Amino acid sequence: MTWDTILNAFIGSLLSGAVIVAGIRLMTLRWETNVQARIRSAVEDEFRKITEARDTDRALLYEVLGPVCGNLARTGQAFSRWRERNPTLEVKVIAESNAIIRQTILTKYHLIPQHLQQHAMDLVAHYDKWFEVFESERNTGKPEAEQAQFIFAGTHGVPFPTQSEAAFLAELRAVNARLSPPRTPAAETETERIP
């Protein structure tokens, strides 16, 4: 064997080894790229789902739960102080809030989660009856002495659905909890220190 043959064999081995290493590296790079693309896609999908869920919760909170629960609280307070006939309280608080709750449910029904939809319709049925009784008592020209002192839908077969009110309040708390930033032990400790 001559030095030329040995040198050619050595260079050939180096070149074929380099080609093999380059081929393996390209295959590895392609595999890594595919894995990275799948991971990126999975992360982006998960982020999109989280973002959509938060957007849905925000819309539910701001457009449905806030107005409904706020007006339920308002009418609850009004009923607690309603001792005698009070047209201002009846028209400006009770009727106004009942109308807002009813209208909110009907116009934002598409935002209401399925587990709350029957509760929503129970509230609407109650308010429909309340307005029916209200109109027949207050706006038909009967003398005031012949009108009912209080307007209640419950005495006409459609009592206030307290379980529906409780379901809406529970959903309000649940959505608020989902939208609130997670509390860290450090943040809880700091909060406890604030007088």
N, C-alpha and C. Protein backbone atom coordinates (compact mmCIF):
# COMPACT_ATOMS: atom_id res chain seq x y z
N MET A 1 0.81 -1.17 0.00
CA MET A 1 0.00 0.00 0.00
C MET A 1 0.86 1.24 0.00
N THR A 2 0.44 2.12 -0.82
CA THR A 2 1.20 3.34 -0.92
C THR A 2 0.55 4.42 -0.06
N TRP A 3 1.37 5.39 0.13
CA TRP A 3 0.86 6.51 0.93
C TRP A 3 -0.31 7.19 0.23
N ASP A 4 -0.30 7.22 -1.03
CA ASP A 4 -1.42 7.83 -1.77
C ASP A 4 -2.71 7.04 -1.53
N THR A 5 -2.62 5.75 -1.56
CA THR A 5 -3.79 4.90 -1.35
C THR A 5 -4.31 5.08 0.08
N ILE A 6 -3.37 5.10 1.02
CA ILE A 6 -3.77 5.27 2.42
C ILE A 6 -4.40 6.65 2.62
N LEU A 7 -3.78 7.67 2.04
CA LEU A 7 -4.29 9.02 2.16
C LEU A 7 -5.66 9.13 1.50
N ASN A 8 -5.83 8.55 0.31
CA ASN A 8 -7.13 8.57 -0.38
C ASN A 8 -8.19 7.83 0.43
N ALA A 9 -7.82 6.70 0.99
CA ALA A 9 -8.76 5.94 1.81
C ALA A 9 -9.14 6.74 3.05
N PHE A 10 -8.14 7.39 3.64
CA PHE A 10 -8.40 8.19 4.84
C PHE A 10 -9.32 9.36 4.51
N ILE A 11 -9.05 10.07 3.43
CA ILE A 11 -9.87 11.22 3.02
C ILE A 11 -11.27 10.73 2.65
N GLY A 12 -11.35 9.60 1.95
CA GLY A 12 -12.65 9.04 1.59
C GLY A 12 -13.46 8.67 2.82
N SER A 13 -12.77 8.11 3.82
CA SER A 13 -13.46 7.76 5.08
C SER A 13 -13.95 9.01 5.79
N LEU A 14 -13.08 10.02 5.81
CA LEU A 14 -13.49 11.28 6.45
C LEU A 14 -14.70 11.89 5.74
N LEU A 15 -14.64 11.92 4.41
CA LEU A 15 -15.74 12.51 3.65
C LEU A 15 -17.03 11.71 3.82
N SER A 16 -16.95 10.39 3.74
CA SER A 16 -18.17 9.60 3.90
C SER A 16 -18.68 9.70 5.33
N GLY A 17 -17.80 9.78 6.30
CA GLY A 17 -18.22 9.99 7.70
C GLY A 17 -18.89 11.34 7.86
N ALA A 18 -18.34 12.36 7.20
CA ALA A 18 -18.92 13.70 7.27
C ALA A 18 -20.30 13.72 6.62
N VAL A 19 -20.41 13.00 5.50
CA VAL A 19 -21.70 12.93 4.82
C VAL A 19 -22.73 12.22 5.72
N ILE A 20 -22.31 11.14 6.35
CA ILE A 20 -23.21 10.40 7.24
C ILE A 20 -23.60 11.28 8.42
N VAL A 21 -22.62 11.96 9.03
CA VAL A 21 -22.91 12.85 10.16
C VAL A 21 -23.83 13.97 9.71
N ALA A 22 -23.59 14.56 8.55
CA ALA A 22 -24.44 15.64 8.04
C ALA A 22 -25.86 15.12 7.80
N GLY A 23 -25.99 13.93 7.25
CA GLY A 23 -27.31 13.34 7.02
C GLY A 23 -28.04 13.10 8.33
N ILE A 24 -27.32 12.54 9.30
CA ILE A 24 -27.94 12.31 10.62
C ILE A 24 -28.35 13.64 11.25
N ARG A 25 -27.49 14.62 11.12
CA ARG A 25 -27.78 15.94 11.70
C ARG A 25 -29.01 16.57 11.03
N LEU A 26 -29.13 16.44 9.71
CA LEU A 26 -30.30 16.97 9.00
C LEU A 26 -31.58 16.26 9.43
N MET A 27 -31.50 14.93 9.58
CA MET A 27 -32.68 14.18 10.04
C MET A 27 -33.05 14.60 11.46
N THR A 28 -32.05 14.76 12.32
CA THR A 28 -32.30 15.18 13.70
C THR A 28 -32.90 16.58 13.73
N LEU A 29 -32.35 17.45 12.91
CA LEU A 29 -32.85 18.81 12.84
C LEU A 29 -34.30 18.83 12.37
N ARG A 30 -34.61 18.03 11.36
CA ARG A 30 -35.98 17.95 10.85
C ARG A 30 -36.91 17.42 11.95
N TRP A 31 -36.48 16.39 12.67
CA TRP A 31 -37.28 15.82 13.75
C TRP A 31 -37.49 16.86 14.85
N GLU A 32 -36.41 17.58 15.22
CA GLU A 32 -36.53 18.61 16.26
C GLU A 32 -37.49 19.72 15.82
N THR A 33 -37.42 20.09 14.55
CA THR A 33 -38.30 21.13 14.03
C THR A 33 -39.76 20.67 14.10
N ASN A 34 -40.02 19.42 13.72
CA ASN A 34 -41.38 18.89 13.81
C ASN A 34 -41.88 18.86 15.25
N VAL A 35 -41.03 18.42 16.16
CA VAL A 35 -41.40 18.36 17.57
C VAL A 35 -41.67 19.77 18.08
N GLN A 36 -40.79 20.72 17.75
CA GLN A 36 -40.98 22.10 18.20
C GLN A 36 -42.27 22.68 17.62
N ALA A 37 -42.55 22.38 16.37
CA ALA A 37 -43.78 22.89 15.74
C ALA A 37 -45.01 22.30 16.43
N ARG A 38 -44.98 21.01 16.76
CA ARG A 38 -46.11 20.40 17.46
C ARG A 38 -46.28 20.97 18.86
N ILE A 39 -45.17 21.18 19.54
CA ILE A 39 -45.23 21.77 20.89
C ILE A 39 -45.77 23.19 20.80
N ARG A 40 -45.26 23.97 19.87
CA ARG A 40 -45.72 25.35 19.68
C ARG A 40 -47.22 25.37 19.37
N SER A 41 -47.66 24.48 18.49
CA SER A 41 -49.07 24.41 18.13
C SER A 41 -49.92 24.04 19.34
N ALA A 42 -49.46 23.08 20.13
CA ALA A 42 -50.21 22.66 21.32
C ALA A 42 -50.30 23.80 22.33
N VAL A 43 -49.20 24.51 22.53
CA VAL A 43 -49.18 25.64 23.47
C VAL A 43 -50.10 26.75 22.97
N GLU A 44 -50.05 27.06 21.68
CA GLU A 44 -50.90 28.10 21.13
C GLU A 44 -52.38 27.72 21.24
N ASP A 45 -52.70 26.44 20.98
CA ASP A 45 -54.09 25.97 21.13
C ASP A 45 -54.57 26.12 22.57
N GLU A 46 -53.73 25.71 23.50
CA GLU A 46 -54.10 25.80 24.92
C GLU A 46 -54.27 27.25 25.34
N PHE A 47 -53.38 28.13 24.89
CA PHE A 47 -53.48 29.56 25.20
C PHE A 47 -54.77 30.14 24.61
N ARG A 48 -55.10 29.74 23.38
CA ARG A 48 -56.32 30.23 22.73
C ARG A 48 -57.56 29.77 23.51
N LYS A 49 -57.57 28.52 23.96
CA LYS A 49 -58.70 28.01 24.74
C LYS A 49 -58.85 28.77 26.05
N ILE A 50 -57.73 29.02 26.72
CA ILE A 50 -57.77 29.77 27.98
C ILE A 50 -58.27 31.18 27.74
N THR A 51 -57.78 31.82 26.68
CA THR A 51 -58.20 33.18 26.35
C THR A 51 -59.68 33.23 26.01
N GLU A 52 -60.16 32.26 25.22
CA GLU A 52 -61.58 32.22 24.87
C GLU A 52 -62.45 32.01 26.11
N ALA A 53 -62.00 31.13 27.01
CA ALA A 53 -62.77 30.87 28.24
C ALA A 53 -62.83 32.14 29.10
N ARG A 54 -61.72 32.86 29.21
CA ARG A 54 -61.71 34.09 30.00
C ARG A 54 -62.59 35.16 29.35
N ASP A 55 -62.55 35.26 28.01
CA ASP A 55 -63.40 36.22 27.31
C ASP A 55 -64.88 35.90 27.52
N THR A 56 -65.21 34.61 27.48
CA THR A 56 -66.59 34.18 27.70
C THR A 56 -67.02 34.51 29.13
N ASP A 57 -66.14 34.23 30.10
CA ASP A 57 -66.45 34.55 31.49
C ASP A 57 -66.63 36.06 31.69
N ARG A 58 -65.77 36.85 31.07
CA ARG A 58 -65.89 38.31 31.20
C ARG A 58 -67.22 38.80 30.63
N ALA A 59 -67.58 38.30 29.46
CA ALA A 59 -68.85 38.72 28.85
C ALA A 59 -70.02 38.31 29.74
N LEU A 60 -69.98 37.10 30.26
CA LEU A 60 -71.03 36.62 31.15
C LEU A 60 -71.11 37.51 32.40
N LEU A 61 -69.97 37.82 32.96
CA LEU A 61 -69.93 38.63 34.18
C LEU A 61 -70.45 40.05 33.93
N TYR A 62 -69.90 40.72 32.91
CA TYR A 62 -70.23 42.12 32.68
C TYR A 62 -71.61 42.34 32.06
N GLU A 63 -72.02 41.42 31.19
CA GLU A 63 -73.26 41.64 30.45
C GLU A 63 -74.48 40.94 31.04
N VAL A 64 -74.27 39.91 31.88
CA VAL A 64 -75.41 39.18 32.43
C VAL A 64 -75.38 39.17 33.96
N LEU A 65 -74.38 38.53 34.53
CA LEU A 65 -74.38 38.31 35.98
C LEU A 65 -74.35 39.61 36.78
N GLY A 66 -73.54 40.56 36.35
CA GLY A 66 -73.48 41.83 37.07
C GLY A 66 -74.82 42.54 37.10
N PRO A 67 -75.43 42.80 35.92
CA PRO A 67 -76.73 43.47 35.94
C PRO A 67 -77.83 42.67 36.64
N VAL A 68 -77.88 41.36 36.41
CA VAL A 68 -78.93 40.55 37.02
C VAL A 68 -78.76 40.52 38.54
N CYS A 69 -77.58 40.17 39.01
CA CYS A 69 -77.36 40.05 40.46
C CYS A 69 -77.45 41.40 41.16
N GLY A 70 -76.96 42.46 40.53
CA GLY A 70 -77.07 43.79 41.12
C GLY A 70 -78.52 44.21 41.28
N ASN A 71 -79.34 43.94 40.30
CA ASN A 71 -80.75 44.30 40.39
C ASN A 71 -81.54 43.37 41.30
N LEU A 72 -81.13 42.11 41.40
CA LEU A 72 -81.74 41.21 42.39
C LEU A 72 -81.48 41.74 43.80
N ALA A 73 -80.26 42.20 44.04
CA ALA A 73 -79.93 42.77 45.35
C ALA A 73 -80.73 44.04 45.61
N ARG A 74 -80.87 44.85 44.57
CA ARG A 74 -81.63 46.10 44.71
C ARG A 74 -83.09 45.83 45.07
N THR A 75 -83.72 44.88 44.38
CA THR A 75 -85.13 44.58 44.69
C THR A 75 -85.25 43.91 46.05
N GLY A 76 -84.27 43.12 46.42
CA GLY A 76 -84.27 42.51 47.75
C GLY A 76 -84.26 43.56 48.84
N GLN A 77 -83.43 44.56 48.67
CA GLN A 77 -83.39 45.65 49.65
C GLN A 77 -84.70 46.42 49.66
N ALA A 78 -85.27 46.65 48.48
CA ALA A 78 -86.53 47.39 48.41
C ALA A 78 -87.65 46.61 49.10
N PHE A 79 -87.72 45.31 48.88
CA PHE A 79 -88.76 44.51 49.53
C PHE A 79 -88.61 44.51 51.04
N SER A 80 -87.38 44.57 51.51
CA SER A 80 -87.17 44.55 52.96
C SER A 80 -87.67 45.83 53.64
N ARG A 81 -87.80 46.92 52.90
CA ARG A 81 -88.29 48.16 53.52
C ARG A 81 -89.68 48.56 53.02
N TRP A 82 -90.31 47.70 52.25
CA TRP A 82 -91.62 47.99 51.67
C TRP A 82 -92.70 47.57 52.66
N ARG A 83 -93.19 48.51 53.46
CA ARG A 83 -94.14 48.21 54.53
C ARG A 83 -95.59 48.58 54.17
N GLU A 84 -95.72 49.57 53.31
CA GLU A 84 -97.04 50.03 52.89
C GLU A 84 -96.94 50.44 51.43
N ARG A 85 -98.07 50.73 50.86
CA ARG A 85 -98.07 51.10 49.45
C ARG A 85 -97.15 52.30 49.24
N ASN A 86 -96.26 52.14 48.29
CA ASN A 86 -95.26 53.17 48.02
C ASN A 86 -95.04 53.20 46.50
N PRO A 87 -95.78 54.03 45.78
CA PRO A 87 -95.69 54.04 44.32
C PRO A 87 -94.28 54.33 43.79
N THR A 88 -93.55 55.18 44.48
CA THR A 88 -92.19 55.48 44.04
C THR A 88 -91.32 54.24 44.13
N LEU A 89 -91.35 53.57 45.26
CA LEU A 89 -90.56 52.36 45.45
C LEU A 89 -90.99 51.29 44.45
N GLU A 90 -92.29 51.17 44.26
CA GLU A 90 -92.82 50.15 43.36
C GLU A 90 -92.41 50.40 41.91
N VAL A 91 -92.52 51.64 41.47
CA VAL A 91 -92.25 51.96 40.06
C VAL A 91 -90.78 52.21 39.79
N LYS A 92 -90.14 53.02 40.65
CA LYS A 92 -88.76 53.43 40.39
C LYS A 92 -87.73 52.38 40.79
N VAL A 93 -88.05 51.49 41.69
CA VAL A 93 -87.08 50.49 42.12
C VAL A 93 -87.49 49.10 41.68
N ILE A 94 -88.64 48.65 42.16
CA ILE A 94 -89.06 47.28 41.89
C ILE A 94 -89.31 47.07 40.38
N ALA A 95 -90.18 47.86 39.80
CA ALA A 95 -90.52 47.67 38.38
C ALA A 95 -89.29 47.90 37.49
N GLU A 96 -88.53 48.93 37.80
CA GLU A 96 -87.34 49.24 37.00
C GLU A 96 -86.33 48.08 37.04
N SER A 97 -86.04 47.58 38.24
CA SER A 97 -85.08 46.48 38.36
C SER A 97 -85.62 45.19 37.74
N ASN A 98 -86.91 44.92 37.96
CA ASN A 98 -87.51 43.73 37.34
C ASN A 98 -87.37 43.79 35.81
N ALA A 99 -87.60 44.97 35.26
CA ALA A 99 -87.51 45.13 33.80
C ALA A 99 -86.07 44.93 33.32
N ILE A 100 -85.11 45.45 34.08
CA ILE A 100 -83.70 45.30 33.69
C ILE A 100 -83.29 43.83 33.72
N ILE A 101 -83.68 43.13 34.78
CA ILE A 101 -83.32 41.70 34.88
C ILE A 101 -83.95 40.94 33.72
N ARG A 102 -85.24 41.15 33.50
CA ARG A 102 -85.95 40.44 32.42
C ARG A 102 -85.32 40.75 31.06
N GLN A 103 -85.07 42.00 30.79
CA GLN A 103 -84.50 42.40 29.49
C GLN A 103 -83.09 41.86 29.33
N THR A 104 -82.29 41.90 30.38
CA THR A 104 -80.92 41.37 30.31
C THR A 104 -80.94 39.89 29.96
N ILE A 105 -81.78 39.15 30.65
CA ILE A 105 -81.85 37.70 30.39
C ILE A 105 -82.29 37.44 28.95
N LEU A 106 -83.30 38.14 28.50
CA LEU A 106 -83.81 37.89 27.15
C LEU A 106 -82.85 38.31 26.05
N THR A 107 -82.15 39.43 26.24
CA THR A 107 -81.26 39.90 25.17
C THR A 107 -79.87 39.27 25.24
N LYS A 108 -79.49 38.75 26.39
CA LYS A 108 -78.16 38.14 26.54
C LYS A 108 -78.25 36.64 26.80
N TYR A 109 -79.35 36.05 26.43
CA TYR A 109 -79.58 34.62 26.70
C TYR A 109 -78.48 33.75 26.10
N HIS A 110 -77.93 34.19 24.96
CA HIS A 110 -76.87 33.42 24.30
C HIS A 110 -75.60 33.33 25.14
N LEU A 111 -75.43 34.22 26.10
CA LEU A 111 -74.25 34.19 26.97
C LEU A 111 -74.46 33.33 28.22
N ILE A 112 -75.69 32.99 28.50
CA ILE A 112 -76.01 32.27 29.73
C ILE A 112 -75.63 30.80 29.57
N PRO A 113 -74.81 30.27 30.50
CA PRO A 113 -74.43 28.86 30.41
C PRO A 113 -75.66 27.95 30.52
N GLN A 114 -75.55 26.80 29.92
CA GLN A 114 -76.69 25.89 29.85
C GLN A 114 -77.26 25.55 31.23
N HIS A 115 -76.39 25.38 32.22
CA HIS A 115 -76.89 25.01 33.55
C HIS A 115 -77.68 26.13 34.23
N LEU A 116 -77.63 27.34 33.68
CA LEU A 116 -78.40 28.47 34.24
C LEU A 116 -79.62 28.84 33.41
N GLN A 117 -79.76 28.23 32.24
CA GLN A 117 -80.82 28.66 31.33
C GLN A 117 -82.22 28.44 31.89
N GLN A 118 -82.47 27.33 32.55
CA GLN A 118 -83.80 27.11 33.14
C GLN A 118 -84.04 28.10 34.28
N HIS A 119 -83.01 28.36 35.07
CA HIS A 119 -83.15 29.37 36.13
C HIS A 119 -83.48 30.74 35.52
N ALA A 120 -82.83 31.06 34.41
CA ALA A 120 -83.08 32.34 33.74
C ALA A 120 -84.54 32.41 33.28
N MET A 121 -85.03 31.34 32.71
CA MET A 121 -86.40 31.34 32.22
C MET A 121 -87.41 31.36 33.37
N ASP A 122 -87.05 30.75 34.51
CA ASP A 122 -87.92 30.83 35.69
C ASP A 122 -88.04 32.28 36.17
N LEU A 123 -86.93 33.01 36.15
CA LEU A 123 -86.97 34.43 36.51
C LEU A 123 -87.84 35.22 35.53
N VAL A 124 -87.66 34.95 34.23
CA VAL A 124 -88.45 35.66 33.21
C VAL A 124 -89.94 35.36 33.40
N ALA A 125 -90.29 34.12 33.67
CA ALA A 125 -91.70 33.77 33.88
C ALA A 125 -92.27 34.53 35.08
N HIS A 126 -91.48 34.63 36.14
CA HIS A 126 -91.93 35.37 37.32
C HIS A 126 -92.14 36.85 36.98
N TYR A 127 -91.18 37.45 36.27
CA TYR A 127 -91.31 38.86 35.94
C TYR A 127 -92.42 39.11 34.93
N ASP A 128 -92.63 38.19 33.99
CA ASP A 128 -93.75 38.33 33.06
C ASP A 128 -95.07 38.41 33.84
N LYS A 129 -95.21 37.51 34.79
CA LYS A 129 -96.44 37.50 35.60
C LYS A 129 -96.52 38.77 36.46
N TRP A 130 -95.39 39.19 37.03
CA TRP A 130 -95.39 40.40 37.86
C TRP A 130 -95.88 41.60 37.05
N PHE A 131 -95.35 41.74 35.82
CA PHE A 131 -95.76 42.88 35.00
C PHE A 131 -97.22 42.75 34.57
N GLU A 132 -97.68 41.56 34.35
CA GLU A 132 -99.09 41.34 34.01
C GLU A 132 -99.98 41.80 35.17
N VAL A 133 -99.64 41.41 36.38
CA VAL A 133 -100.41 41.81 37.56
C VAL A 133 -100.28 43.31 37.78
N PHE A 134 -99.09 43.83 37.63
CA PHE A 134 -98.83 45.27 37.80
C PHE A 134 -99.71 46.08 36.85
N GLU A 135 -99.71 45.71 35.59
CA GLU A 135 -100.52 46.44 34.59
C GLU A 135 -102.01 46.34 34.92
N SER A 136 -102.47 45.15 35.31
CA SER A 136 -103.91 44.99 35.57
C SER A 136 -104.33 45.72 36.84
N GLU A 137 -103.44 45.93 37.78
CA GLU A 137 -103.78 46.63 39.02
C GLU A 137 -103.55 48.13 38.93
N ARG A 138 -102.47 48.54 38.31
CA ARG A 138 -102.09 49.95 38.38
C ARG A 138 -102.49 50.77 37.15
N ASN A 139 -102.66 50.15 36.04
CA ASN A 139 -102.85 50.94 34.82
C ASN A 139 -104.18 50.65 34.11
N THR A 140 -105.18 50.19 34.84
CA THR A 140 -106.47 49.92 34.19
C THR A 140 -107.56 50.91 34.59
N GLY A 141 -107.22 51.89 35.40
CA GLY A 141 -108.19 52.91 35.78
C GLY A 141 -109.01 52.56 37.00
N LYS A 142 -108.69 51.47 37.68
CA LYS A 142 -109.41 51.13 38.92
C LYS A 142 -109.11 52.21 39.95
N PRO A 143 -110.07 52.50 40.80
CA PRO A 143 -109.79 53.44 41.90
C PRO A 143 -108.68 52.86 42.79
N GLU A 144 -107.87 53.74 43.33
CA GLU A 144 -106.73 53.31 44.14
C GLU A 144 -107.16 52.43 45.31
N ALA A 145 -108.31 52.70 45.89
CA ALA A 145 -108.78 51.92 47.03
C ALA A 145 -109.09 50.47 46.65
N GLU A 146 -109.40 50.24 45.38
CA GLU A 146 -109.73 48.89 44.92
C GLU A 146 -108.50 48.13 44.41
N GLN A 147 -107.38 48.82 44.30
CA GLN A 147 -106.16 48.17 43.82
C GLN A 147 -105.48 47.42 44.95
N ALA A 148 -104.73 46.39 44.58
CA ALA A 148 -103.95 45.65 45.57
C ALA A 148 -102.91 46.58 46.17
N GLN A 149 -102.68 46.42 47.47
CA GLN A 149 -101.69 47.29 48.13
C GLN A 149 -100.29 46.99 47.61
N PHE A 150 -100.00 45.70 47.40
CA PHE A 150 -98.68 45.28 46.90
C PHE A 150 -98.89 44.43 45.65
N ILE A 151 -97.92 44.47 44.77
CA ILE A 151 -97.98 43.64 43.56
C ILE A 151 -97.04 42.45 43.78
N PHE A 152 -97.64 41.27 43.79
CA PHE A 152 -96.86 40.03 43.94
C PHE A 152 -97.31 39.04 42.88
N ALA A 153 -96.35 38.48 42.17
CA ALA A 153 -96.67 37.44 41.18
C ALA A 153 -96.92 36.10 41.87
N GLY A 154 -96.35 35.93 43.05
CA GLY A 154 -96.49 34.67 43.78
C GLY A 154 -97.92 34.35 44.14
N THR A 155 -98.71 35.36 44.46
CA THR A 155 -100.11 35.13 44.81
C THR A 155 -100.93 34.79 43.57
N HIS A 156 -100.32 34.91 42.41
CA HIS A 156 -100.99 34.58 41.15
C HIS A 156 -100.37 33.32 40.52
N GLY A 157 -99.74 32.51 41.34
CA GLY A 157 -99.25 31.21 40.86
C GLY A 157 -97.82 31.17 40.36
N VAL A 158 -97.11 32.29 40.39
CA VAL A 158 -95.72 32.28 39.93
C VAL A 158 -94.84 32.92 41.01
N PRO A 159 -94.52 32.15 42.05
CA PRO A 159 -93.71 32.71 43.14
C PRO A 159 -92.29 33.03 42.66
N PHE A 160 -91.66 33.91 43.42
CA PHE A 160 -90.28 34.27 43.07
C PHE A 160 -89.40 33.03 43.19
N PRO A 161 -88.63 32.72 42.15
CA PRO A 161 -87.78 31.51 42.17
C PRO A 161 -86.48 31.75 42.94
N THR A 162 -86.53 31.56 44.24
CA THR A 162 -85.36 31.81 45.08
C THR A 162 -84.18 30.93 44.69
N GLN A 163 -84.45 29.70 44.21
CA GLN A 163 -83.36 28.82 43.80
C GLN A 163 -82.66 29.38 42.54
N SER A 164 -83.39 30.10 41.72
CA SER A 164 -82.79 30.72 40.54
C SER A 164 -81.90 31.88 40.94
N GLU A 165 -82.38 32.67 41.89
CA GLU A 165 -81.55 33.76 42.41
C GLU A 165 -80.26 33.19 43.00
N ALA A 166 -80.37 32.12 43.78
CA ALA A 166 -79.19 31.49 44.39
C ALA A 166 -78.25 30.95 43.32
N ALA A 167 -78.79 30.39 42.25
CA ALA A 167 -77.94 29.86 41.17
C ALA A 167 -77.18 30.98 40.47
N PHE A 168 -77.84 32.11 40.24
CA PHE A 168 -77.15 33.24 39.60
C PHE A 168 -76.06 33.80 40.51
N LEU A 169 -76.36 33.91 41.81
CA LEU A 169 -75.36 34.41 42.75
C LEU A 169 -74.17 33.45 42.85
N ALA A 170 -74.44 32.15 42.84
CA ALA A 170 -73.35 31.15 42.88
C ALA A 170 -72.49 31.25 41.62
N GLU A 171 -73.12 31.45 40.49
CA GLU A 171 -72.37 31.59 39.23
C GLU A 171 -71.54 32.87 39.24
N LEU A 172 -72.07 33.94 39.80
CA LEU A 172 -71.32 35.19 39.93
C LEU A 172 -70.05 34.95 40.74
N ARG A 173 -70.18 34.27 41.87
CA ARG A 173 -69.00 33.97 42.71
C ARG A 173 -68.01 33.08 41.96
N ALA A 174 -68.52 32.08 41.24
CA ALA A 174 -67.64 31.16 40.52
C ALA A 174 -66.87 31.88 39.40
N VAL A 175 -67.56 32.72 38.65
CA VAL A 175 -66.90 33.46 37.56
C VAL A 175 -65.89 34.45 38.14
N ASN A 176 -66.26 35.13 39.20
CA ASN A 176 -65.30 36.05 39.84
C ASN A 176 -64.06 35.29 40.29
N ALA A 177 -64.24 34.11 40.85
CA ALA A 177 -63.09 33.31 41.30
C ALA A 177 -62.22 32.89 40.12
N ARG A 178 -62.85 32.52 39.00
CA ARG A 178 -62.07 32.11 37.82
C ARG A 178 -61.30 33.29 37.23
N LEU A 179 -61.87 34.47 37.30
CA LEU A 179 -61.22 35.64 36.70
C LEU A 179 -60.22 36.33 37.63
N SER A 180 -60.29 36.02 38.91
CA SER A 180 -59.35 36.63 39.86
C SER A 180 -57.98 36.00 39.71
N PRO A 181 -56.94 36.79 39.83
CA PRO A 181 -55.59 36.21 39.75
C PRO A 181 -55.38 35.25 40.91
N PRO A 182 -54.63 34.18 40.67
CA PRO A 182 -54.38 33.24 41.77
C PRO A 182 -53.63 33.93 42.89
N ARG A 183 -53.98 33.57 44.09
CA ARG A 183 -53.34 34.17 45.27
C ARG A 183 -52.11 33.35 45.61
N THR A 184 -51.03 34.05 45.83
CA THR A 184 -49.80 33.39 46.24
C THR A 184 -49.66 33.52 47.75
N PRO A 185 -48.94 32.62 48.39
CA PRO A 185 -48.75 32.74 49.83
C PRO A 185 -48.17 34.10 50.23
N ALA A 186 -47.25 34.63 49.42
CA ALA A 186 -46.66 35.93 49.73
C ALA A 186 -47.72 37.03 49.67
N ALA A 187 -48.59 36.97 48.66
CA ALA A 187 -49.64 37.98 48.52
C ALA A 187 -50.63 37.88 49.67
N GLU A 188 -50.95 36.67 50.11
CA GLU A 188 -51.87 36.51 51.23
C GLU A 188 -51.26 37.06 52.51
N THR A 189 -49.97 36.84 52.70
CA THR A 189 -49.29 37.36 53.88
C THR A 189 -49.30 38.88 53.86
N GLU A 190 -49.02 39.47 52.68
CA GLU A 190 -49.03 40.94 52.57
C GLU A 190 -50.42 41.49 52.83
N THR A 191 -51.45 40.82 52.32
CA THR A 191 -52.81 41.28 52.53
C THR A 191 -53.17 41.25 54.01
N GLU A 192 -52.73 40.21 54.69
CA GLU A 192 -53.03 40.10 56.12
C GLU A 192 -52.38 41.21 56.93
N ARG A 193 -51.27 41.74 56.46
CA ARG A 193 -50.55 42.78 57.20
C ARG A 193 -51.19 44.15 57.04
N ILE A 194 -51.94 44.34 55.96
CA ILE A 194 -52.53 45.66 55.70
C ILE A 194 -53.66 45.87 56.72
N PRO A 195 -53.58 46.99 57.47
CA PRO A 195 -54.59 47.23 58.50
C PRO A 195 -55.95 47.59 57.91
